[in-house]
Amino acid sequence: MNEMNHTDYPRVLSATKLMGNKVVNTAGEQLGTMKELMIDLDDGLIAYAVLSFGGFLGLGDKLFAIPWEALTFNSDDQTFILDVDKEVLKDAPGFDKEHWPDNAKYEAGWLLGVYEYYGYSPYWMPDEDDEQSFEEQSEDSSEFLQK
């Protein structure tokens, strides 16, 4: 979502307003719907979005963890855009609604594998550039707070 100009969509939205929204790819093909947002309670960030794909009326659908950064929100039609081909999604790591990932999977690197599959750096492992940018932002914030 960091690709869009922040004036193009609201800065904050209720998570419930996003559930059930369509997820499409850049070709306009519907990939599924937004099922859940999973929150990292330690970091206070969205760990991943859950995309429901396939099935009919919720039966037989497969769930996919999608890095939040991989999604772009289109406020015009309230859809999310995920820049992947349908075939890539079919082979993506997923789970069914009866077997959500648990702590053991997280500890075994499951979420890291999800981020790598989609080509994103995990938020909990900042790049050197990200660390430098964070330090600069922190300095700017502390200067502002001192005024």
Protein backbone atom coordinates (compact mmCIF):
# COMPACT_ATOMS: atom_id res chain seq x y z
CA MET A 1 0.00 0.00 0.00
CA ASN A 2 3.00 2.27 0.16
CA GLU A 3 2.92 2.94 -3.60
CA MET A 4 -0.15 5.18 -3.52
CA ASN A 5 -0.22 8.86 -2.68
CA HIS A 6 -1.71 9.14 0.80
CA THR A 7 -4.22 11.74 -0.43
CA ASP A 8 -5.81 9.09 -2.69
CA TYR A 9 -7.31 7.11 0.19
CA PRO A 10 -8.07 7.57 3.88
CA ARG A 11 -5.12 7.27 6.25
CA VAL A 12 -7.07 4.98 8.58
CA LEU A 13 -10.02 2.66 8.04
CA SER A 14 -11.88 0.24 10.23
CA ALA A 15 -10.72 -3.31 9.54
CA THR A 16 -14.35 -4.43 9.37
CA LYS A 17 -14.91 -2.13 6.37
CA LEU A 18 -12.18 -4.03 4.51
CA MET A 19 -13.43 -7.57 5.18
CA GLY A 20 -15.14 -9.11 2.19
CA ASN A 21 -13.66 -6.60 -0.26
CA LYS A 22 -12.56 -8.02 -3.60
CA VAL A 23 -8.89 -8.64 -4.31
CA VAL A 24 -7.94 -8.36 -7.97
CA ASN A 25 -4.67 -8.56 -9.86
CA THR A 26 -3.33 -5.86 -12.17
CA ALA A 27 -5.11 -7.54 -15.11
CA GLY A 28 -8.42 -7.02 -13.29
CA GLU A 29 -8.98 -10.73 -12.61
CA GLN A 30 -10.66 -11.40 -9.29
CA LEU A 31 -8.34 -13.38 -7.04
CA GLY A 32 -10.65 -13.64 -4.05
CA THR A 33 -11.84 -11.62 -1.10
CA MET A 34 -10.24 -10.14 2.00
CA LYS A 35 -11.01 -12.50 4.87
CA GLU A 36 -8.95 -11.24 7.85
CA LEU A 37 -6.12 -8.99 8.94
CA MET A 38 -3.70 -10.68 11.31
CA ILE A 39 -2.08 -8.35 13.84
CA ASP A 40 1.40 -8.81 15.28
CA LEU A 41 0.60 -7.96 18.89
CA ASP A 42 4.24 -7.39 19.84
CA ASP A 43 4.96 -4.90 17.05
CA GLY A 44 1.46 -3.46 16.61
CA LEU A 45 1.58 -4.03 12.86
CA ILE A 46 -0.43 -6.01 10.34
CA ALA A 47 1.56 -9.25 10.01
CA TYR A 48 -0.42 -10.34 6.96
CA ALA A 49 -3.77 -10.19 5.25
CA VAL A 50 -5.78 -13.36 4.67
CA LEU A 51 -7.13 -13.81 1.15
CA SER A 52 -9.94 -16.29 0.52
CA PHE A 53 -9.59 -17.88 -2.92
CA GLY A 54 -11.69 -20.42 -4.81
CA GLY A 55 -14.62 -22.36 -3.50
CA PHE A 56 -18.26 -21.33 -3.59
CA LEU A 57 -20.06 -19.47 -0.80
CA GLY A 58 -17.13 -20.11 1.52
CA LEU A 59 -17.07 -23.87 0.88
CA GLY A 60 -13.87 -25.38 -0.44
CA ASP A 61 -12.02 -22.09 -0.45
CA LYS A 62 -8.34 -21.90 0.35
CA LEU A 63 -6.85 -19.18 2.52
CA PHE A 64 -3.60 -17.42 1.73
CA ALA A 65 -1.41 -15.23 3.88
CA ILE A 66 -0.43 -12.13 1.88
CA PRO A 67 2.16 -9.61 3.09
CA TRP A 68 0.30 -6.36 3.79
CA GLU A 69 2.87 -4.46 1.73
CA ALA A 70 1.93 -6.53 -1.34
CA LEU A 71 -1.57 -5.04 -1.40
CA THR A 72 -2.64 -1.68 -2.78
CA PHE A 73 -6.05 -0.30 -1.81
CA ASN A 74 -8.15 1.24 -4.58
CA SER A 75 -10.54 3.61 -2.83
CA ASP A 76 -12.55 4.24 -6.01
CA ASP A 77 -14.07 0.76 -6.03
CA GLN A 78 -12.99 -0.44 -2.55
CA THR A 79 -10.83 -3.27 -3.93
CA PHE A 80 -7.34 -4.45 -3.15
CA ILE A 81 -4.83 -4.95 -5.94
CA LEU A 82 -2.33 -7.78 -5.64
CA ASP A 83 0.26 -7.85 -8.41
CA VAL A 84 0.37 -11.61 -9.00
CA ASP A 85 -0.92 -13.90 -11.71
CA LYS A 86 -3.74 -16.27 -10.76
CA GLU A 87 -1.45 -19.23 -11.43
CA VAL A 88 1.15 -17.89 -8.97
CA LEU A 89 -1.55 -17.67 -6.32
CA LYS A 90 -2.68 -21.25 -6.96
CA ASP A 91 0.83 -22.47 -6.04
CA ALA A 92 1.25 -20.10 -3.08
CA PRO A 93 1.55 -21.40 0.48
CA GLY A 94 -1.94 -21.52 1.94
CA PHE A 95 -4.13 -23.14 4.56
CA ASP A 96 -7.77 -24.08 5.05
CA LYS A 97 -10.22 -22.45 7.43
CA GLU A 98 -9.98 -25.36 9.87
CA HIS A 99 -6.15 -25.27 10.11
CA TRP A 100 -4.85 -21.75 10.63
CA PRO A 101 -1.11 -21.28 11.22
CA ASP A 102 -0.17 -21.61 14.89
CA ASN A 103 2.78 -20.40 16.96
CA ALA A 104 4.83 -23.49 16.07
CA LYS A 105 4.57 -22.62 12.38
CA TYR A 106 5.64 -19.03 13.07
CA GLU A 107 8.62 -20.24 15.04
CA ALA A 108 9.53 -22.60 12.19
CA GLY A 109 9.71 -19.66 9.76
CA TRP A 110 6.35 -20.09 8.05
CA LEU A 111 5.64 -16.36 7.75
CA LEU A 112 9.17 -15.67 6.52
CA GLY A 113 8.50 -18.18 3.73
CA VAL A 114 5.29 -16.33 2.83
CA TYR A 115 7.09 -13.00 2.56
CA GLU A 116 9.85 -14.56 0.45
CA TYR A 117 7.31 -16.24 -1.86
CA TYR A 118 5.84 -12.84 -2.76
CA GLY A 119 9.26 -11.14 -2.88
CA TYR A 120 8.96 -8.90 0.19
CA SER A 121 11.29 -8.31 3.11
CA PRO A 122 9.58 -9.14 6.39
CA TYR A 123 8.71 -6.10 8.50
CA TRP A 124 10.45 -7.65 11.51
CA MET A 125 13.75 -7.89 9.57
CA PRO A 126 14.33 -4.34 8.30
CA ASP A 127 16.71 -3.74 5.42
CA GLU A 128 19.74 -1.57 6.08
CA ASP A 129 18.05 1.24 4.09
CA ASP A 130 14.90 0.88 6.20
CA GLU A 131 16.90 1.09 9.42
CA GLN A 132 18.62 4.24 8.22
CA SER A 133 15.28 5.77 7.18
CA PHE A 134 13.76 4.86 10.57
CA GLU A 135 16.67 6.51 12.37
CA GLU A 136 16.21 9.68 10.28
CA GLN A 137 12.46 9.71 11.00
CA SER A 138 13.13 9.23 14.71
CA GLU A 139 15.53 12.19 14.71
CA ASP A 140 12.93 14.31 12.87
CA SER A 141 10.24 13.28 15.36
CA SER A 142 12.39 14.08 18.39
CA GLU A 143 13.24 17.51 16.95
CA PHE A 144 9.52 18.16 16.43
CA LEU A 145 8.64 17.06 19.95
CA GLN A 146 11.30 19.34 21.43
CA LYS A 147 9.74 22.44 19.83
